[in-house]
């Protein structure tokens, strides 16, 4: 009974993780297409003033934040292992 529950919990966690990763890549694709469109419109209609940089910087910041949420926690050392270690460390201090 417990093993079936644990396996189902792992499956649901993996499915959730896959959905997060797919969401990031969809976001990335939309952002790349948006940047291409914004730059094209800017260069066609007002080629002497490059206002597209403001939009590109904002899109890149949003993409970076999404990347940190999906992948970056482990990269920067704040993944699930870090949480578990800090909890154990805190409990050891309380004893």
PDB file of N, CA and C in Angstrom:
ATOM      1  N   UNK A   1       0.815  -1.191   0.000  1.00  0.00           N
ATOM      2  CA  UNK A   1       0.000   0.000   0.000  1.00  0.00           C
ATOM      3  C   UNK A   1       0.858   1.254   0.000  1.00  0.00           C
ATOM      4  N   UNK A   2       1.848   1.310   0.870  1.00  0.00           N
ATOM      5  CA  UNK A   2       2.706   2.494   0.943  1.00  0.00           C
ATOM      6  C   UNK A   2       3.546   2.671  -0.315  1.00  0.00           C
ATOM      7  N   UNK A   3       4.047   1.570  -0.874  1.00  0.00           N
ATOM      8  CA  UNK A   3       4.886   1.684  -2.064  1.00  0.00           C
ATOM      9  C   UNK A   3       4.078   2.198  -3.252  1.00  0.00           C
ATOM     10  N   UNK A   4       2.814   1.775  -3.354  1.00  0.00           N
ATOM     11  CA  UNK A   4       1.979   2.262  -4.451  1.00  0.00           C
ATOM     12  C   UNK A   4       1.751   3.762  -4.304  1.00  0.00           C
ATOM     13  N   UNK A   5       1.523   4.205  -3.090  1.00  0.00           N
ATOM     14  CA  UNK A   5       1.322   5.628  -2.824  1.00  0.00           C
ATOM     15  C   UNK A   5       2.583   6.420  -3.155  1.00  0.00           C
ATOM     16  N   UNK A   6       3.715   5.912  -2.755  1.00  0.00           N
ATOM     17  CA  UNK A   6       4.990   6.591  -3.005  1.00  0.00           C
ATOM     18  C   UNK A   6       5.261   6.667  -4.502  1.00  0.00           C
ATOM     19  N   UNK A   7       5.031   5.580  -5.215  1.00  0.00           N
ATOM     20  CA  UNK A   7       5.238   5.569  -6.659  1.00  0.00           C
ATOM     21  C   UNK A   7       4.309   6.553  -7.360  1.00  0.00           C
ATOM     22  N   UNK A   8       3.055   6.606  -6.918  1.00  0.00           N
ATOM     23  CA  UNK A   8       2.105   7.539  -7.525  1.00  0.00           C
ATOM     24  C   UNK A   8       2.507   8.981  -7.237  1.00  0.00           C
ATOM     25  N   UNK A   9       2.999   9.226  -6.026  1.00  0.00           N
ATOM     26  CA  UNK A   9       3.451  10.566  -5.662  1.00  0.00           C
ATOM     27  C   UNK A   9       4.650  10.977  -6.522  1.00  0.00           C
ATOM     28  N   UNK A  10       5.589  10.057  -6.744  1.00  0.00           N
ATOM     29  CA  UNK A  10       6.740  10.336  -7.591  1.00  0.00           C
ATOM     30  C   UNK A  10       6.306  10.602  -9.030  1.00  0.00           C
ATOM     31  N   UNK A  11       5.347   9.822  -9.507  1.00  0.00           N
ATOM     32  CA  UNK A  11       4.839  10.000 -10.870  1.00  0.00           C
ATOM     33  C   UNK A  11       4.194  11.373 -11.026  1.00  0.00           C
ATOM     34  N   UNK A  12       3.382  11.777 -10.061  1.00  0.00           N
ATOM     35  CA  UNK A  12       2.726  13.080 -10.136  1.00  0.00           C
ATOM     36  C   UNK A  12       3.743  14.222 -10.050  1.00  0.00           C
ATOM     37  N   UNK A  13       4.779  14.052  -9.237  1.00  0.00           N
ATOM     38  CA  UNK A  13       5.819  15.070  -9.138  1.00  0.00           C
ATOM     39  C   UNK A  13       6.582  15.183 -10.460  1.00  0.00           C
ATOM     40  N   UNK A  14       6.877  14.038 -11.084  1.00  0.00           N
ATOM     41  CA  UNK A  14       7.576  14.056 -12.364  1.00  0.00           C
ATOM     42  C   UNK A  14       6.705  14.687 -13.443  1.00  0.00           C
ATOM     43  N   UNK A  15       5.422  14.402 -13.404  1.00  0.00           N
ATOM     44  CA  UNK A  15       4.502  14.979 -14.386  1.00  0.00           C
ATOM     45  C   UNK A  15       4.417  16.499 -14.206  1.00  0.00           C
ATOM     46  N   UNK A  16       4.383  16.949 -12.967  1.00  0.00           N
ATOM     47  CA  UNK A  16       4.345  18.388 -12.686  1.00  0.00           C
ATOM     48  C   UNK A  16       5.629  19.057 -13.173  1.00  0.00           C
ATOM     49  N   UNK A  17       6.763  18.415 -12.924  1.00  0.00           N
ATOM     50  CA  UNK A  17       8.059  18.956 -13.349  1.00  0.00           C
ATOM     51  C   UNK A  17       8.117  19.067 -14.871  1.00  0.00           C
ATOM     52  N   UNK A  18       7.628  18.036 -15.560  1.00  0.00           N
ATOM     53  CA  UNK A  18       7.614  18.049 -17.011  1.00  0.00           C
ATOM     54  C   UNK A  18       6.738  19.188 -17.530  1.00  0.00           C
ATOM     55  N   UNK A  19       5.619  19.430 -16.877  1.00  0.00           N
ATOM     56  CA  UNK A  19       4.727  20.520 -17.277  1.00  0.00           C
ATOM     57  C   UNK A  19       5.425  21.872 -17.094  1.00  0.00           C
ATOM     58  N   UNK A  20       6.176  22.032 -16.007  1.00  0.00           N
ATOM     59  CA  UNK A  20       6.923  23.271 -15.778  1.00  0.00           C
ATOM     60  C   UNK A  20       7.971  23.488 -16.864  1.00  0.00           C
ATOM     61  N   UNK A  21       8.685  22.431 -17.228  1.00  0.00           N
ATOM     62  CA  UNK A  21       9.726  22.544 -18.250  1.00  0.00           C
ATOM     63  C   UNK A  21       9.113  22.865 -19.611  1.00  0.00           C
ATOM     64  N   UNK A  22       8.022  22.187 -19.945  1.00  0.00           N
ATOM     65  CA  UNK A  22       7.340  22.485 -21.206  1.00  0.00           C
ATOM     66  C   UNK A  22       6.844  23.921 -21.238  1.00  0.00           C
ATOM     67  N   UNK A  23       6.335  24.397 -20.119  1.00  0.00           N
ATOM     68  CA  UNK A  23       5.874  25.780 -20.028  1.00  0.00           C
ATOM     69  C   UNK A  23       7.000  26.770 -20.254  1.00  0.00           C
ATOM     70  N   UNK A  24       8.176  26.462 -19.703  1.00  0.00           N
ATOM     71  CA  UNK A  24       9.320  27.347 -19.911  1.00  0.00           C
ATOM     72  C   UNK A  24       9.708  27.404 -21.377  1.00  0.00           C
ATOM     73  N   UNK A  25       9.785  26.241 -22.033  1.00  0.00           N
ATOM     74  CA  UNK A  25      10.187  26.234 -23.437  1.00  0.00           C
ATOM     75  C   UNK A  25       9.143  26.903 -24.332  1.00  0.00           C
ATOM     76  N   UNK A  26       7.867  26.784 -23.994  1.00  0.00           N
ATOM     77  CA  UNK A  26       6.827  27.500 -24.749  1.00  0.00           C
ATOM     78  C   UNK A  26       6.997  29.007 -24.554  1.00  0.00           C
ATOM     79  N   UNK A  27       7.263  29.422 -23.325  1.00  0.00           N
ATOM     80  CA  UNK A  27       7.503  30.830 -23.010  1.00  0.00           C
ATOM     81  C   UNK A  27       8.715  31.347 -23.780  1.00  0.00           C
ATOM     82  N   UNK A  28       9.774  30.557 -23.829  1.00  0.00           N
ATOM     83  CA  UNK A  28      10.985  30.942 -24.544  1.00  0.00           C
ATOM     84  C   UNK A  28      10.705  31.115 -26.034  1.00  0.00           C
ATOM     85  N   UNK A  29       9.968  30.188 -26.618  1.00  0.00           N
ATOM     86  CA  UNK A  29       9.647  30.275 -28.045  1.00  0.00           C
ATOM     87  C   UNK A  29       8.813  31.519 -28.345  1.00  0.00           C
ATOM     88  N   UNK A  30       7.805  31.779 -27.529  1.00  0.00           N
ATOM     89  CA  UNK A  30       6.970  32.970 -27.720  1.00  0.00           C
ATOM     90  C   UNK A  30       7.814  34.239 -27.578  1.00  0.00           C
ATOM     91  N   UNK A  31       8.736  34.246 -26.626  1.00  0.00           N
ATOM     92  CA  UNK A  31       9.586  35.424 -26.442  1.00  0.00           C
ATOM     93  C   UNK A  31      10.510  35.646 -27.629  1.00  0.00           C
ATOM     94  N   UNK A  32      11.071  34.588 -28.182  1.00  0.00           N
ATOM     95  CA  UNK A  32      11.937  34.733 -29.351  1.00  0.00           C
ATOM     96  C   UNK A  32      11.152  35.289 -30.532  1.00  0.00           C
ATOM     97  N   UNK A  33       9.962  34.741 -30.763  1.00  0.00           N
ATOM     98  CA  UNK A  33       9.126  35.250 -31.853  1.00  0.00           C
ATOM     99  C   UNK A  33       8.723  36.700 -31.596  1.00  0.00           C
ATOM    100  N   UNK A  34       8.406  37.039 -30.356  1.00  0.00           N
ATOM    101  CA  UNK A  34       8.036  38.412 -30.012  1.00  0.00           C
ATOM    102  C   UNK A  34       9.189  39.376 -30.272  1.00  0.00           C
ATOM    103  N   UNK A  35      10.381  38.987 -29.900  1.00  0.00           N
ATOM    104  CA  UNK A  35      11.549  39.846 -30.128  1.00  0.00           C
ATOM    105  C   UNK A  35      11.749  40.076 -31.623  1.00  0.00           C
ATOM    106  N   UNK A  36      11.632  39.032 -32.417  1.00  0.00           N
ATOM    107  CA  UNK A  36      11.783  39.172 -33.872  1.00  0.00           C
ATOM    108  C   UNK A  36      10.747  40.147 -34.424  1.00  0.00           C
ATOM    109  N   UNK A  37       9.513  40.013 -33.995  1.00  0.00           N
ATOM    110  CA  UNK A  37       8.446  40.900 -34.473  1.00  0.00           C
ATOM    111  C   UNK A  37       8.679  42.338 -34.015  1.00  0.00           C
ATOM    112  N   UNK A  38       9.030  42.528 -32.760  1.00  0.00           N
ATOM    113  CA  UNK A  38       9.244  43.876 -32.225  1.00  0.00           C
ATOM    114  C   UNK A  38      10.395  44.568 -32.941  1.00  0.00           C
ATOM    115  N   UNK A  39      11.501  43.868 -33.121  1.00  0.00           N
ATOM    116  CA  UNK A  39      12.651  44.455 -33.815  1.00  0.00           C
ATOM    117  C   UNK A  39      12.286  44.785 -35.260  1.00  0.00           C
ATOM    118  N   UNK A  40      11.586  43.891 -35.919  1.00  0.00           N
ATOM    119  CA  UNK A  40      11.182  44.132 -37.310  1.00  0.00           C
ATOM    120  C   UNK A  40      10.281  45.359 -37.420  1.00  0.00           C
ATOM    121  N   UNK A  41       9.281  45.447 -36.565  1.00  0.00           N
ATOM    122  CA  UNK A  41       8.366  46.594 -36.600  1.00  0.00           C
ATOM    123  C   UNK A  41       9.137  47.884 -36.337  1.00  0.00           C
ATOM    124  N   UNK A  42      10.027  47.864 -35.364  1.00  0.00           N
ATOM    125  CA  UNK A  42      10.808  49.058 -35.059  1.00  0.00           C
ATOM    126  C   UNK A  42      11.666  49.484 -36.248  1.00  0.00           C
ATOM    127  N   UNK A  43      12.355  48.540 -36.847  1.00  0.00           N
ATOM    128  CA  UNK A  43      13.259  48.893 -37.943  1.00  0.00           C
ATOM    129  C   UNK A  43      12.510  49.288 -39.214  1.00  0.00           C
ATOM    130  N   UNK A  44      11.288  48.814 -39.395  1.00  0.00           N
ATOM    131  CA  UNK A  44      10.500  49.186 -40.569  1.00  0.00           C
ATOM    132  C   UNK A  44       9.893  50.584 -40.398  1.00  0.00           C
ATOM    133  N   UNK A  45       9.291  50.853 -39.237  1.00  0.00           N
ATOM    134  CA  UNK A  45       8.535  52.087 -39.065  1.00  0.00           C
ATOM    135  C   UNK A  45       9.326  53.254 -38.481  1.00  0.00           C
ATOM    136  N   UNK A  46      10.316  52.985 -37.688  1.00  0.00           N
ATOM    137  CA  UNK A  46      11.157  54.080 -37.170  1.00  0.00           C
ATOM    138  C   UNK A  46      12.602  53.595 -37.055  1.00  0.00           C
ATOM    139  N   UNK A  47      13.270  53.476 -38.202  1.00  0.00           N
ATOM    140  CA  UNK A  47      14.611  52.886 -38.197  1.00  0.00           C
ATOM    141  C   UNK A  47      15.683  53.742 -37.527  1.00  0.00           C
ATOM    142  N   UNK A  48      15.399  55.012 -37.286  1.00  0.00           N
ATOM    143  CA  UNK A  48      16.426  55.880 -36.716  1.00  0.00           C
ATOM    144  C   UNK A  48      16.385  55.927 -35.192  1.00  0.00           C
ATOM    145  N   UNK A  49      15.320  55.413 -34.603  1.00  0.00           N
ATOM    146  CA  UNK A  49      15.225  55.359 -33.147  1.00  0.00           C
ATOM    147  C   UNK A  49      14.971  53.912 -32.734  1.00  0.00           C
ATOM    148  N   UNK A  50      15.899  53.327 -32.059  1.00  0.00           N
ATOM    149  CA  UNK A  50      15.819  51.906 -31.693  1.00  0.00           C
ATOM    150  C   UNK A  50      15.172  51.722 -30.317  1.00  0.00           C
ATOM    151  N   UNK A  51      13.867  51.851 -30.259  1.00  0.00           N
ATOM    152  CA  UNK A  51      13.133  51.677 -29.004  1.00  0.00           C
ATOM    153  C   UNK A  51      12.946  50.212 -28.643  1.00  0.00           C
ATOM    154  N   UNK A  52      13.239  49.319 -29.587  1.00  0.00           N
ATOM    155  CA  UNK A  52      13.023  47.888 -29.315  1.00  0.00           C
ATOM    156  C   UNK A  52      13.879  47.380 -28.172  1.00  0.00           C
ATOM    157  N   UNK A  53      14.972  48.074 -27.852  1.00  0.00           N
ATOM    158  CA  UNK A  53      15.842  47.607 -26.773  1.00  0.00           C
ATOM    159  C   UNK A  53      15.117  47.553 -25.430  1.00  0.00           C
ATOM    160  N   UNK A  54      14.203  48.475 -25.202  1.00  0.00           N
ATOM    161  CA  UNK A  54      13.459  48.476 -23.945  1.00  0.00           C
ATOM    162  C   UNK A  54      12.618  47.202 -23.817  1.00  0.00           C
ATOM    163  N   UNK A  55      11.948  46.847 -24.899  1.00  0.00           N
ATOM    164  CA  UNK A  55      11.116  45.635 -24.888  1.00  0.00           C
ATOM    165  C   UNK A  55      11.977  44.381 -24.783  1.00  0.00           C
ATOM    166  N   UNK A  56      13.088  44.365 -25.496  1.00  0.00           N
ATOM    167  CA  UNK A  56      13.964  43.186 -25.479  1.00  0.00           C
ATOM    168  C   UNK A  56      14.539  42.955 -24.082  1.00  0.00           C
ATOM    169  N   UNK A  57      14.943  44.028 -23.423  1.00  0.00           N
ATOM    170  CA  UNK A  57      15.486  43.890 -22.061  1.00  0.00           C
ATOM    171  C   UNK A  57      14.407  43.366 -21.114  1.00  0.00           C
ATOM    172  N   UNK A  58      13.198  43.893 -21.217  1.00  0.00           N
ATOM    173  CA  UNK A  58      12.103  43.417 -20.369  1.00  0.00           C
ATOM    174  C   UNK A  58      11.775  41.955 -20.617  1.00  0.00           C
ATOM    175  N   UNK A  59      11.736  41.568 -21.875  1.00  0.00           N
ATOM    176  CA  UNK A  59      11.449  40.169 -22.218  1.00  0.00           C
ATOM    177  C   UNK A  59      12.556  39.259 -21.699  1.00  0.00           C
ATOM    178  N   UNK A  60      13.800  39.686 -21.830  1.00  0.00           N
ATOM    179  CA  UNK A  60      14.922  38.866 -21.348  1.00  0.00           C
ATOM    180  C   UNK A  60      14.907  38.720 -19.829  1.00  0.00           C
ATOM    181  N   UNK A  61      14.549  39.790 -19.124  1.00  0.00           N
ATOM    182  CA  UNK A  61      14.462  39.718 -17.660  1.00  0.00           C
ATOM    183  C   UNK A  61      13.359  38.741 -17.251  1.00  0.00           C
ATOM    184  N   UNK A  62      12.201  38.825 -17.914  1.00  0.00           N
ATOM    185  CA  UNK A  62      11.094  37.906 -17.600  1.00  0.00           C
ATOM    186  C   UNK A  62      11.484  36.460 -17.897  1.00  0.00           C
ATOM    187  N   UNK A  63      12.184  36.235 -19.005  1.00  0.00           N
ATOM    188  CA  UNK A  63      12.618  34.881 -19.357  1.00  0.00           C
ATOM    189  C   UNK A  63      13.624  34.354 -18.337  1.00  0.00           C
ATOM    190  N   UNK A  64      14.536  35.210 -17.894  1.00  0.00           N
ATOM    191  CA  UNK A  64      15.518  34.797 -16.892  1.00  0.00           C
ATOM    192  C   UNK A  64      14.837  34.423 -15.571  1.00  0.00           C
ATOM    193  N   UNK A  65      13.868  35.220 -15.166  1.00  0.00           N
ATOM    194  CA  UNK A  65      13.141  34.914 -13.928  1.00  0.00           C
ATOM    195  C   UNK A  65      12.418  33.577 -14.054  1.00  0.00           C
ATOM    196  N   UNK A  66      11.797  33.331 -15.205  1.00  0.00           N
ATOM    197  CA  UNK A  66      11.119  32.050 -15.421  1.00  0.00           C
ATOM    198  C   UNK A  66      12.128  30.901 -15.402  1.00  0.00           C
ATOM    199  N   UNK A  67      13.303  31.111 -15.996  1.00  0.00           N
ATOM    200  CA  UNK A  67      14.344  30.078 -15.988  1.00  0.00           C
ATOM    201  C   UNK A  67      14.778  29.768 -14.553  1.00  0.00           C
ATOM    202  N   UNK A  68      14.958  30.815 -13.748  1.00  0.00           N
ATOM    203  CA  UNK A  68      15.376  30.600 -12.355  1.00  0.00           C
ATOM    204  C   UNK A  68      14.321  29.804 -11.608  1.00  0.00           C
ATOM    205  N   UNK A  69      13.049  30.108 -11.843  1.00  0.00           N
ATOM    206  CA  UNK A  69      11.974  29.387 -11.163  1.00  0.00           C
ATOM    207  C   UNK A  69      11.963  27.917 -11.571  1.00  0.00           C
ATOM    208  N   UNK A  70      12.188  27.637 -12.863  1.00  0.00           N
ATOM    209  CA  UNK A  70      12.090  26.257 -13.345  1.00  0.00           C
ATOM    210  C   UNK A  70      13.391  25.480 -13.137  1.00  0.00           C
ATOM    211  N   UNK A  71      14.529  26.057 -13.504  1.00  0.00           N
ATOM    212  CA  UNK A  71      15.798  25.326 -13.472  1.00  0.00           C
ATOM    213  C   UNK A  71      16.802  25.854 -12.457  1.00  0.00           C
ATOM    214  N   UNK A  72      16.760  27.120 -12.178  1.00  0.00           N
ATOM    215  CA  UNK A  72      17.839  27.793 -11.473  1.00  0.00           C
ATOM    216  C   UNK A  72      18.011  27.470 -10.018  1.00  0.00           C
ATOM    217  N   UNK A  73      16.947  27.029  -9.337  1.00  0.00           N
ATOM    218  CA  UNK A  73      17.083  26.763  -7.901  1.00  0.00           C
ATOM    219  C   UNK A  73      18.173  25.728  -7.644  1.00  0.00           C
ATOM    220  N   UNK A  74      18.169  24.677  -8.444  1.00  0.00           N
ATOM    221  CA  UNK A  74      19.198  23.648  -8.279  1.00  0.00           C
ATOM    222  C   UNK A  74      20.556  24.173  -8.726  1.00  0.00           C
ATOM    223  N   UNK A  75      20.573  24.976  -9.776  1.00  0.00           N
ATOM    224  CA  UNK A  75      21.821  25.520 -10.296  1.00  0.00           C
ATOM    225  C   UNK A  75      22.495  26.422  -9.270  1.00  0.00           C
ATOM    226  N   UNK A  76      21.705  27.210  -8.559  1.00  0.00           N
ATOM    227  CA  UNK A  76      22.248  28.125  -7.568  1.00  0.00           C
ATOM    228  C   UNK A  76      22.375  27.488  -6.188  1.00  0.00           C
ATOM    229  N   UNK A  77      22.037  26.220  -6.069  1.00  0.00           N
ATOM    230  CA  UNK A  77      22.203  25.514  -4.801  1.00  0.00           C
ATOM    231  C   UNK A  77      21.027  25.615  -3.858  1.00  0.00           C
ATOM    232  N   UNK A  78      19.857  25.981  -4.353  1.00  0.00           N
ATOM    233  CA  UNK A  78      18.680  26.113  -3.493  1.00  0.00           C
ATOM    234  C   UNK A  78      17.593  25.109  -3.850  1.00  0.00           C
ATOM    235  N   UNK A  79      17.983  23.910  -4.227  1.00  0.00           N
ATOM    236  CA  UNK A  79      17.010  22.891  -4.590  1.00  0.00           C
ATOM    237  C   UNK A  79      16.438  22.186  -3.380  1.00  0.00           C
ATOM    238  N   UNK A  80      15.780  21.069  -3.631  1.00  0.00           N
ATOM    239  CA  UNK A  80      15.142  20.300  -2.563  1.00  0.00           C
ATOM    240  C   UNK A  80      16.180  19.780  -1.567  1.00  0.00           C
ATOM    241  N   UNK A  81      17.367  19.393  -2.050  1.00  0.00           N
ATOM    242  CA  UNK A  81      18.418  18.910  -1.154  1.00  0.00           C
ATOM    243  C   UNK A  81      18.827  19.992  -0.156  1.00  0.00           C
ATOM    244  N   UNK A  82      18.903  21.225  -0.626  1.00  0.00           N
ATOM    245  CA  UNK A  82      19.278  22.330   0.242  1.00  0.00           C
ATOM    246  C   UNK A  82      18.243  22.507   1.345  1.00  0.00           C
ATOM    247  N   UNK A  83      16.966  22.436   0.962  1.00  0.00           N
ATOM    248  CA  UNK A  83      15.895  22.575   1.953  1.00  0.00           C
ATOM    249  C   UNK A  83      15.990  21.475   3.009  1.00  0.00           C
ATOM    250  N   UNK A  84      16.192  20.237   2.560  1.00  0.00           N
ATOM    251  CA  UNK A  84      16.297  19.113   3.499  1.00  0.00           C
ATOM    252  C   UNK A  84      17.481  19.284   4.437  1.00  0.00           C
ATOM    253  N   UNK A  85      18.629  19.721   3.903  1.00  0.00           N
ATOM    254  CA  UNK A  85      19.814  19.915   4.731  1.00  0.00           C
ATOM    255  C   UNK A  85      19.584  21.008   5.772  1.00  0.00           C
ATOM    256  N   UNK A  86      18.942  22.093   5.365  1.00  0.00           N
ATOM    257  CA  UNK A  86      18.692  23.190   6.298  1.00  0.00           C
ATOM    258  C   UNK A  86      17.702  22.778   7.398  1.00  0.00           C
ATOM    259  N   UNK A  87      16.711  21.989   7.029  1.00  0.00           N
ATOM    260  CA  UNK A  87      15.755  21.500   8.025  1.00  0.00           C
ATOM    261  C   UNK A  87      16.464  20.612   9.042  1.00  0.00           C
ATOM    262  N   UNK A  88      17.303  19.684   8.568  1.00  0.00           N
ATOM    263  CA  UNK A  88      18.054  18.808   9.475  1.00  0.00           C
ATOM    264  C   UNK A  88      18.992  19.623  10.369  1.00  0.00           C
ATOM    265  N   UNK A  89      19.653  20.613   9.749  1.00  0.00           N
ATOM    266  CA  UNK A  89      20.571  21.457  10.517  1.00  0.00           C
ATOM    267  C   UNK A  89      19.812  22.215  11.606  1.00  0.00           C
ATOM    268  N   UNK A  90      18.666  22.741  11.283  1.00  0.00           N
ATOM    269  CA  UNK A  90      17.857  23.470  12.251  1.00  0.00           C
ATOM    270  C   UNK A  90      17.385  22.555  13.376  1.00  0.00           C
ATOM    271  N   UNK A  91      16.963  21.348  13.026  1.00  0.00           N
ATOM    272  CA  UNK A  91      16.513  20.401  14.041  1.00  0.00           C
ATOM    273  C   UNK A  91      17.654  19.969  14.955  1.00  0.00           C
ATOM    274  N   UNK A  92      18.860  19.833  14.392  1.00  0.00           N
ATOM    275  CA  UNK A  92      20.013  19.471  15.215  1.00  0.00           C
ATOM    276  C   UNK A  92      20.357  20.586  16.208  1.00  0.00           C
ATOM    277  N   UNK A  93      20.213  21.841  15.784  1.00  0.00           N
ATOM    278  CA  UNK A  93      20.489  22.950  16.673  1.00  0.00           C
ATOM    279  C   UNK A  93      19.481  23.009  17.823  1.00  0.00           C
ATOM    280  N   UNK A  94      18.258  22.620  17.556  1.00  0.00           N
ATOM    281  CA  UNK A  94      17.210  22.685  18.577  1.00  0.00           C
ATOM    282  C   UNK A  94      17.368  21.599  19.634  1.00  0.00           C
ATOM    283  N   UNK A  95      18.082  20.507  19.320  1.00  0.00           N
ATOM    284  CA  UNK A  95      18.249  19.409  20.283  1.00  0.00           C
ATOM    285  C   UNK A  95      19.212  19.728  21.374  1.00  0.00           C
TER     286      UNK A  95
END
